[in-house]
Amino acid sequence: MSQQKSGILFAIGAYIIWGIFPIYWKLIEDVNSMEVLLNRIIWSFIMTFILIGLIGKLPALRADCEYLWKNKKQLLSLFAASLIISVNWFTYIWAVQNGHILQTSLGYYMNPLLSILFGVLFFREKLSKAVLVSVAIAMIGVLYMVWTAGVIPWVALVLAFSFATYGVLKKQIQLDALRGLAIETALIVPLALIAYAYLASTTPTSLFQVDAKTNILLILSGIATALPLIFFAKGAQSMPLYMLGFIQFLAPTISFMLGVFLYKEPFDKTQIVTFTFIWMAVALFSVSTYMQSKKKRI
């Protein structure tokens, strides 16, 4: 199998895992969302550290840490990124557990468009007319929901803005995906442990207190976090960017299908119209990305 084909399979695998994440968090929906988040942070650090050791990359991790320690600005940016991704993770977990899977799907459909806007604002990247129209169409869809239903899709907006902000911060720091996750979680683990101690002192917690299934799912949340990142890193290294752009919409599409057909979330006229605008924006964005990449190859 060629390197590009294997890369495509790895990328598809990553986005399928991200797409079916709602099933995972639904299995522990009785666990407090904050406790799930804290477990995800702690076990992600433990599991990624173990994986890095198993593949013999501890010297590279040590070198990364030394580099960041000498470059305090990048270290602070990475710490900020770890806080932002924690907000993203908590919002996503809470939304899934409380019946808002469709909004998570909406957020991750919007994210690539928002990321491009952030690229223009923070890195002076050029914005094509097609992408500008895509963003405008997506905004119309969101505004329609606000105007018709009188509801701001805050879950979708928080997910889209937090992940786009995370991308801006991470773009300034070139780190391997797995080692980057280990360092990010290491920076936030002390706060997570303090928060866990406070949570345990004020409310009943679930880890090692409920049943074996809950324990296993909370502990394996670390692997569930690291595995798609590893797949994504392997895929991104060996496939064209435009193709990765198409594949990234697989995750919100799977989540959308799960929300509508498996978990029977309400999908009324307002949401139909909003998602139609978003899908139009995604289609235009994808086609324009493909056409641009084709021109560059010529």
Protein backbone atom coordinates (compact mmCIF):
# COMPACT_ATOMS: atom_id res chain seq x y z
CA MET A 1 0.00 0.00 0.00
CA SER A 2 1.35 3.45 -0.92
CA GLN A 3 2.19 5.97 1.77
CA GLN A 4 -0.58 8.31 0.60
CA LYS A 5 -3.24 5.58 0.72
CA SER A 6 -2.17 4.52 4.21
CA GLY A 7 -2.25 8.20 5.21
CA ILE A 8 -5.82 8.53 3.94
CA LEU A 9 -6.85 5.45 5.95
CA PHE A 10 -5.21 6.84 9.09
CA ALA A 11 -6.98 10.20 8.62
CA ILE A 12 -10.35 8.52 8.01
CA GLY A 13 -9.76 6.40 11.12
CA ALA A 14 -9.04 9.52 13.19
CA TYR A 15 -12.19 11.33 12.08
CA ILE A 16 -14.37 8.23 12.50
CA ILE A 17 -13.17 7.94 16.11
CA TRP A 18 -13.85 11.64 16.69
CA GLY A 19 -17.25 11.23 15.02
CA ILE A 20 -18.36 8.37 17.30
CA PHE A 21 -17.11 10.07 20.48
CA PRO A 22 -20.73 10.84 21.51
CA ILE A 23 -21.31 7.09 21.99
CA TYR A 24 -18.33 6.95 24.36
CA TRP A 25 -19.42 9.89 26.50
CA LYS A 26 -23.04 8.69 26.51
CA LEU A 27 -21.87 5.44 28.12
CA ILE A 28 -20.84 7.46 31.18
CA GLU A 29 -23.53 10.13 31.06
CA ASP A 30 -24.35 9.50 34.74
CA VAL A 31 -20.86 10.73 35.69
CA ASN A 32 -20.53 14.45 36.39
CA SER A 33 -19.24 16.22 33.25
CA MET A 34 -16.48 17.96 35.21
CA GLU A 35 -15.29 14.63 36.62
CA VAL A 36 -15.23 13.15 33.10
CA LEU A 37 -13.13 16.12 31.92
CA LEU A 38 -10.68 15.83 34.83
CA ASN A 39 -10.27 12.10 34.19
CA ARG A 40 -9.71 12.78 30.51
CA ILE A 41 -6.93 15.26 31.28
CA ILE A 42 -5.21 13.08 33.90
CA TRP A 43 -5.42 9.79 32.00
CA SER A 44 -4.48 11.46 28.70
CA PHE A 45 -1.24 12.59 30.35
CA ILE A 46 -0.55 9.14 31.83
CA MET A 47 -1.38 7.23 28.64
CA THR A 48 0.52 9.55 26.29
CA PHE A 49 3.57 9.45 28.56
CA ILE A 50 3.45 5.63 28.55
CA LEU A 51 3.03 5.53 24.76
CA ILE A 52 5.95 7.91 24.25
CA GLY A 53 8.08 5.65 26.44
CA LEU A 54 7.01 2.52 24.54
CA ILE A 55 7.98 3.99 21.16
CA GLY A 56 11.30 5.25 22.50
CA LYS A 57 10.59 8.98 22.18
CA LEU A 58 11.33 10.05 25.77
CA PRO A 59 14.61 11.78 24.71
CA ALA A 60 12.63 13.79 22.11
CA LEU A 61 10.04 14.69 24.78
CA ARG A 62 12.83 15.85 27.09
CA ALA A 63 14.27 17.96 24.26
CA ASP A 64 10.84 19.51 23.63
CA CYS A 65 10.50 20.40 27.32
CA GLU A 66 13.97 21.97 27.42
CA TYR A 67 13.20 24.00 24.31
CA LEU A 68 9.93 25.28 25.78
CA TRP A 69 11.58 26.13 29.09
CA LYS A 70 14.07 28.33 27.24
CA ASN A 71 11.27 29.93 25.20
CA LYS A 72 8.88 31.20 27.86
CA LYS A 73 6.56 32.90 25.35
CA GLN A 74 5.90 29.59 23.59
CA LEU A 75 5.51 27.84 26.95
CA LEU A 76 2.84 30.37 27.97
CA SER A 77 1.13 29.94 24.59
CA LEU A 78 1.05 26.17 25.12
CA PHE A 79 -0.35 26.63 28.64
CA ALA A 80 -3.05 28.91 27.22
CA ALA A 81 -3.75 26.26 24.56
CA SER A 82 -4.15 23.61 27.26
CA LEU A 83 -6.71 25.80 29.06
CA ILE A 84 -8.60 26.48 25.83
CA ILE A 85 -8.74 22.81 24.80
CA SER A 86 -9.98 21.96 28.32
CA VAL A 87 -12.88 24.38 27.77
CA ASN A 88 -13.52 22.69 24.41
CA TRP A 89 -13.45 19.20 25.93
CA PHE A 90 -15.75 20.14 28.82
CA THR A 91 -18.27 21.82 26.51
CA TYR A 92 -18.30 18.81 24.20
CA ILE A 93 -18.69 16.27 27.05
CA TRP A 94 -21.42 18.34 28.73
CA ALA A 95 -23.27 18.81 25.42
CA VAL A 96 -23.25 15.09 24.59
CA GLN A 97 -24.39 14.10 28.08
CA ASN A 98 -27.20 16.66 28.02
CA GLY A 99 -28.67 15.94 24.59
CA HIS A 100 -26.98 18.56 22.40
CA ILE A 101 -25.09 16.34 19.95
CA LEU A 102 -26.52 18.25 16.97
CA GLN A 103 -25.01 21.46 18.29
CA THR A 104 -21.61 19.78 18.63
CA SER A 105 -21.95 18.73 14.99
CA LEU A 106 -22.86 22.29 14.01
CA GLY A 107 -19.82 23.61 15.88
CA TYR A 108 -17.37 21.31 14.13
CA TYR A 109 -18.88 22.05 10.73
CA MET A 110 -18.27 25.75 11.45
CA ASN A 111 -14.77 25.29 12.86
CA PRO A 112 -12.75 25.10 9.56
CA LEU A 113 -14.42 28.27 8.30
CA LEU A 114 -13.70 30.08 11.56
CA SER A 115 -10.12 28.80 11.56
CA ILE A 116 -9.58 30.40 8.14
CA LEU A 117 -10.96 33.72 9.41
CA PHE A 118 -8.57 33.53 12.36
CA GLY A 119 -5.77 32.85 9.89
CA VAL A 120 -6.61 36.13 8.18
CA LEU A 121 -6.84 38.06 11.47
CA PHE A 122 -3.74 36.69 13.18
CA PHE A 123 -1.44 35.54 10.39
CA ARG A 124 -2.49 37.83 7.51
CA GLU A 125 -3.36 34.85 5.36
CA LYS A 126 -5.22 35.55 2.13
CA LEU A 127 -8.95 34.91 2.09
CA SER A 128 -10.42 33.80 -1.24
CA LYS A 129 -13.80 35.10 -2.37
CA ALA A 130 -15.24 31.57 -2.24
CA VAL A 131 -14.21 31.13 1.39
CA LEU A 132 -15.56 34.60 2.25
CA VAL A 133 -18.91 33.62 0.73
CA SER A 134 -18.78 30.30 2.63
CA VAL A 135 -18.32 32.12 5.94
CA ALA A 136 -21.17 34.52 5.07
CA ILE A 137 -23.51 31.60 4.24
CA ALA A 138 -22.63 29.85 7.51
CA MET A 139 -23.27 33.07 9.47
CA ILE A 140 -26.69 33.42 7.80
CA GLY A 141 -27.56 29.92 8.98
CA VAL A 142 -26.60 30.68 12.58
CA LEU A 143 -28.38 34.05 12.55
CA TYR A 144 -31.50 32.36 11.17
CA MET A 145 -31.54 30.07 14.21
CA VAL A 146 -31.13 33.03 16.56
CA TRP A 147 -33.85 35.04 14.82
CA THR A 148 -36.40 32.21 14.35
CA ALA A 149 -35.97 30.18 17.53
CA GLY A 150 -34.67 32.99 19.72
CA VAL A 151 -31.87 30.65 20.77
CA ILE A 152 -28.17 31.30 20.46
CA PRO A 153 -26.41 27.99 19.63
CA TRP A 154 -23.82 28.67 22.34
CA VAL A 155 -22.52 25.08 22.41
CA ALA A 156 -21.69 25.22 18.70
CA LEU A 157 -20.15 28.69 19.01
CA VAL A 158 -18.02 27.79 22.05
CA LEU A 159 -16.75 24.62 20.34
CA ALA A 160 -15.97 26.41 17.08
CA PHE A 161 -14.32 29.46 18.68
CA SER A 162 -12.36 27.49 21.30
CA PHE A 163 -10.97 25.01 18.76
CA ALA A 164 -10.11 27.78 16.29
CA THR A 165 -8.34 29.69 19.09
CA TYR A 166 -6.52 26.51 20.08
CA GLY A 167 -5.38 26.16 16.47
CA VAL A 168 -4.02 29.72 16.45
CA LEU A 169 -2.02 29.09 19.63
CA LYS A 170 -0.72 25.72 18.44
CA LYS A 171 0.31 27.11 15.05
CA GLN A 172 2.95 29.16 16.83
CA ILE A 173 4.46 26.04 18.42
CA GLN A 174 5.65 23.20 16.19
CA LEU A 175 5.36 20.03 18.28
CA ASP A 176 4.74 16.38 17.43
CA ALA A 177 1.04 15.60 18.06
CA LEU A 178 1.61 12.92 20.71
CA ARG A 179 4.42 14.72 22.54
CA GLY A 180 2.46 17.97 22.29
CA LEU A 181 -0.54 16.34 23.97
CA ALA A 182 1.71 14.96 26.73
CA ILE A 183 3.16 18.41 27.45
CA GLU A 184 -0.20 20.18 27.21
CA THR A 185 -1.82 17.80 29.65
CA ALA A 186 1.25 17.91 31.93
CA LEU A 187 0.81 21.69 32.18
CA ILE A 188 -2.84 21.37 33.18
CA VAL A 189 -2.65 18.17 35.31
CA PRO A 190 -1.77 20.02 38.56
CA LEU A 191 -4.91 22.15 38.20
CA ALA A 192 -6.93 19.03 37.31
CA LEU A 193 -5.73 17.21 40.44
CA ILE A 194 -6.59 20.20 42.65
CA ALA A 195 -10.02 20.46 41.00
CA TYR A 196 -10.56 16.70 41.46
CA ALA A 197 -9.69 16.92 45.15
CA TYR A 198 -12.17 19.79 45.57
CA LEU A 199 -14.84 17.94 43.58
CA ALA A 200 -14.38 14.80 45.70
CA SER A 201 -14.69 16.84 48.90
CA THR A 202 -17.96 18.49 47.84
CA THR A 203 -19.85 15.90 45.77
CA PRO A 204 -19.85 12.09 45.33
CA THR A 205 -17.40 11.04 42.58
CA SER A 206 -17.57 7.98 40.35
CA LEU A 207 -14.00 6.77 39.73
CA PHE A 208 -13.47 3.56 41.75
CA GLN A 209 -16.81 4.22 43.43
CA VAL A 210 -19.48 2.91 41.02
CA ASP A 211 -18.65 -0.15 38.91
CA ALA A 212 -15.90 -1.67 36.77
CA LYS A 213 -17.40 -0.40 33.49
CA THR A 214 -17.31 3.21 34.68
CA ASN A 215 -13.74 2.83 35.94
CA ILE A 216 -12.56 1.32 32.63
CA LEU A 217 -14.28 3.98 30.50
CA LEU A 218 -12.90 6.85 32.59
CA ILE A 219 -9.37 5.43 32.51
CA LEU A 220 -9.51 4.60 28.79
CA SER A 221 -10.58 8.18 28.01
CA GLY A 222 -6.84 8.83 27.85
CA ILE A 223 -6.37 6.29 25.06
CA ALA A 224 -9.55 7.52 23.35
CA THR A 225 -8.01 11.00 23.29
CA ALA A 226 -4.50 10.00 22.17
CA LEU A 227 -5.34 7.38 19.52
CA PRO A 228 -7.13 9.60 16.97
CA LEU A 229 -4.42 12.24 17.42
CA ILE A 230 -1.78 9.68 16.50
CA PHE A 231 -3.85 8.55 13.49
CA PHE A 232 -4.37 12.17 12.43
CA ALA A 233 -0.65 12.98 12.67
CA LYS A 234 0.23 9.95 10.56
CA GLY A 235 -2.41 10.84 7.98
CA ALA A 236 -1.61 14.54 7.75
CA GLN A 237 2.05 13.81 7.04
CA SER A 238 1.40 11.82 3.88
CA MET A 239 -1.66 13.23 2.13
CA PRO A 240 -2.61 16.46 0.34
CA LEU A 241 -4.08 19.22 2.51
CA TYR A 242 -7.21 19.58 0.33
CA MET A 243 -7.98 15.88 0.84
CA LEU A 244 -7.60 16.27 4.59
CA GLY A 245 -10.00 19.20 4.29
CA PHE A 246 -12.67 16.92 2.81
CA ILE A 247 -12.12 14.16 5.36
CA GLN A 248 -12.39 16.50 8.37
CA PHE A 249 -16.13 16.88 7.76
CA LEU A 250 -16.58 13.15 8.36
CA ALA A 251 -16.58 13.62 12.15
CA PRO A 252 -19.43 16.18 12.41
CA THR A 253 -21.41 14.21 9.81
CA ILE A 254 -21.18 11.03 11.90
CA SER A 255 -22.10 13.00 15.03
CA PHE A 256 -25.06 14.53 13.20
CA MET A 257 -26.32 11.08 12.16
CA LEU A 258 -25.92 9.78 15.72
CA GLY A 259 -27.81 12.76 17.15
CA VAL A 260 -30.75 12.43 14.76
CA PHE A 261 -31.07 8.67 14.27
CA LEU A 262 -29.58 7.02 17.35
CA TYR A 263 -30.33 9.48 20.13
CA LYS A 264 -33.47 10.98 18.51
CA GLU A 265 -32.62 14.60 19.24
CA PRO A 266 -35.23 17.09 17.97
CA PHE A 267 -34.54 18.18 14.40
CA ASP A 268 -37.13 20.82 13.58
CA LYS A 269 -37.57 23.24 10.69
CA THR A 270 -35.23 25.84 12.20
CA GLN A 271 -32.42 23.33 12.53
CA ILE A 272 -33.06 21.96 9.04
CA VAL A 273 -32.66 25.46 7.58
CA THR A 274 -29.59 26.22 9.70
CA PHE A 275 -27.85 22.96 8.80
CA THR A 276 -28.74 23.45 5.13
CA PHE A 277 -26.92 26.79 5.15
CA ILE A 278 -23.96 25.18 6.95
CA TRP A 279 -23.82 22.30 4.46
CA MET A 280 -23.92 24.77 1.56
CA ALA A 281 -21.03 26.66 3.14
CA VAL A 282 -19.08 23.42 3.68
CA ALA A 283 -19.68 22.32 0.08
CA LEU A 284 -18.49 25.65 -1.33
CA PHE A 285 -15.49 25.66 1.02
CA SER A 286 -14.52 22.10 0.04
CA VAL A 287 -14.85 22.69 -3.71
CA SER A 288 -12.87 25.96 -3.54
CA THR A 289 -10.13 24.27 -1.48
CA TYR A 290 -9.88 21.50 -4.07
CA MET A 291 -9.77 23.94 -6.98
CA GLN A 292 -7.05 26.03 -5.31
CA SER A 293 -4.92 22.97 -4.63
CA LYS A 294 -5.40 21.82 -8.24
CA LYS A 295 -4.19 25.21 -9.55
CA LYS A 296 -1.09 25.03 -7.33
CA ARG A 297 -0.22 21.57 -8.69
CA ILE A 298 -0.53 22.87 -12.27
